[in-house]
C-alpha cells in the first residue's frame, strides 16, 4: 500500500517520506491510502490517525489467513 500526503491548501499529492522526515506537522496535512499499483484509493482524504487506523485493519485481515 502507498501512503500519500498533501498540505491542506494544496492540490497535489506527494509520497509520504515518514513522520520523522516531514518538515511540517502531520496535523497540517491530509492523507490517503492507495493500493500498491496506485490504481485504487483505499482510504479517501483524512487525518493521519484515521488513515493509519484503516491501514492497520487492512494489514490485520490480510495476514489473518
C-alpha atoms as a PDB file:
ATOM      1  CA  UNK A   1       0.000   0.000   0.000  1.00  0.00           C
ATOM      2  CA  UNK A   2       1.084   3.550  -0.669  1.00  0.00           C
ATOM      3  CA  UNK A   3       0.558   6.397   1.778  1.00  0.00           C
ATOM      4  CA  UNK A   4       0.366   9.887   0.275  1.00  0.00           C
ATOM      5  CA  UNK A   5       0.036  13.322   1.863  1.00  0.00           C
ATOM      6  CA  UNK A   6      -0.560  16.947   0.938  1.00  0.00           C
ATOM      7  CA  UNK A   7      -0.816  20.208   2.834  1.00  0.00           C
ATOM      8  CA  UNK A   8      -4.448  21.133   3.452  1.00  0.00           C
ATOM      9  CA  UNK A   9      -4.386  24.031   0.964  1.00  0.00           C
ATOM     10  CA  UNK A  10      -2.594  22.208  -1.851  1.00  0.00           C
ATOM     11  CA  UNK A  11      -3.984  20.001  -4.609  1.00  0.00           C
ATOM     12  CA  UNK A  12      -1.038  17.745  -5.465  1.00  0.00           C
ATOM     13  CA  UNK A  13      -0.436  14.521  -3.515  1.00  0.00           C
ATOM     14  CA  UNK A  14       3.144  13.501  -2.581  1.00  0.00           C
ATOM     15  CA  UNK A  15       4.618  10.210  -1.396  1.00  0.00           C
ATOM     16  CA  UNK A  16       4.835  10.110   2.399  1.00  0.00           C
ATOM     17  CA  UNK A  17       8.511  10.052   3.449  1.00  0.00           C
ATOM     18  CA  UNK A  18       7.931   9.143   7.104  1.00  0.00           C
ATOM     19  CA  UNK A  19       6.878  11.072  10.179  1.00  0.00           C
ATOM     20  CA  UNK A  20      10.431  11.963  11.232  1.00  0.00           C
ATOM     21  CA  UNK A  21      11.403  13.346   7.786  1.00  0.00           C
ATOM     22  CA  UNK A  22       8.430  15.696   7.347  1.00  0.00           C
ATOM     23  CA  UNK A  23       9.120  19.416   7.714  1.00  0.00           C
ATOM     24  CA  UNK A  24       5.528  20.253   8.762  1.00  0.00           C
ATOM     25  CA  UNK A  25       3.446  18.584  11.498  1.00  0.00           C
ATOM     26  CA  UNK A  26       1.059  15.846  10.377  1.00  0.00           C
ATOM     27  CA  UNK A  27      -1.875  17.839  11.797  1.00  0.00           C
ATOM     28  CA  UNK A  28      -1.482  20.345   8.921  1.00  0.00           C
ATOM     29  CA  UNK A  29      -1.713  17.650   6.229  1.00  0.00           C
ATOM     30  CA  UNK A  30      -4.315  15.401   4.629  1.00  0.00           C
ATOM     31  CA  UNK A  31      -3.504  11.759   3.983  1.00  0.00           C
ATOM     32  CA  UNK A  32      -4.817   8.994   1.731  1.00  0.00           C
ATOM     33  CA  UNK A  33      -4.038   5.338   1.150  1.00  0.00           C
ATOM     34  CA  UNK A  34      -3.764   3.673  -2.268  1.00  0.00           C
ATOM     35  CA  UNK A  35      -3.118   0.120  -3.415  1.00  0.00           C
ATOM     36  CA  UNK A  36       0.432  -0.791  -4.479  1.00  0.00           C
ATOM     37  CA  UNK A  37      -0.138  -0.022  -8.177  1.00  0.00           C
ATOM     38  CA  UNK A  38      -1.834   3.311  -7.303  1.00  0.00           C
ATOM     39  CA  UNK A  39      -4.970   2.428  -9.292  1.00  0.00           C
ATOM     40  CA  UNK A  40      -7.447   2.331  -6.415  1.00  0.00           C
ATOM     41  CA  UNK A  41      -7.913   4.653  -3.437  1.00  0.00           C
ATOM     42  CA  UNK A  42      -8.370   2.502  -0.331  1.00  0.00           C
ATOM     43  CA  UNK A  43      -8.916   5.396   2.093  1.00  0.00           C
ATOM     44  CA  UNK A  44     -10.129   8.800   0.939  1.00  0.00           C
ATOM     45  CA  UNK A  45      -8.650  12.029   2.291  1.00  0.00           C
ATOM     46  CA  UNK A  46      -8.467  12.058   6.078  1.00  0.00           C
ATOM     47  CA  UNK A  47      -6.315  12.685   9.128  1.00  0.00           C
ATOM     48  CA  UNK A  48      -3.134  10.722   9.825  1.00  0.00           C
ATOM     49  CA  UNK A  49      -4.746   8.815  12.687  1.00  0.00           C
ATOM     50  CA  UNK A  50      -7.823   7.836  10.680  1.00  0.00           C
ATOM     51  CA  UNK A  51      -5.809   6.648   7.675  1.00  0.00           C
ATOM     52  CA  UNK A  52      -3.305   4.703   9.796  1.00  0.00           C
ATOM     53  CA  UNK A  53      -6.124   3.018  11.734  1.00  0.00           C
ATOM     54  CA  UNK A  54      -7.598   1.727   8.461  1.00  0.00           C
ATOM     55  CA  UNK A  55      -4.105   0.716   7.250  1.00  0.00           C
ATOM     56  CA  UNK A  56      -3.641  -1.455  10.348  1.00  0.00           C
ATOM     57  CA  UNK A  57      -7.104  -3.028   9.852  1.00  0.00           C
ATOM     58  CA  UNK A  58      -6.287  -3.949   6.252  1.00  0.00           C
ATOM     59  CA  UNK A  59      -2.907  -5.432   7.266  1.00  0.00           C
ATOM     60  CA  UNK A  60      -4.511  -7.449  10.064  1.00  0.00           C
ATOM     61  CA  UNK A  61      -7.099  -9.066   7.814  1.00  0.00           C
ATOM     62  CA  UNK A  62      -4.584  -9.621   5.019  1.00  0.00           C
ATOM     63  CA  UNK A  63      -2.407 -11.740   7.335  1.00  0.00           C
ATOM     64  CA  UNK A  64      -5.227 -13.346   9.330  1.00  0.00           C
ATOM     65  CA  UNK A  65      -5.265 -16.201   6.936  1.00  0.00           C
END
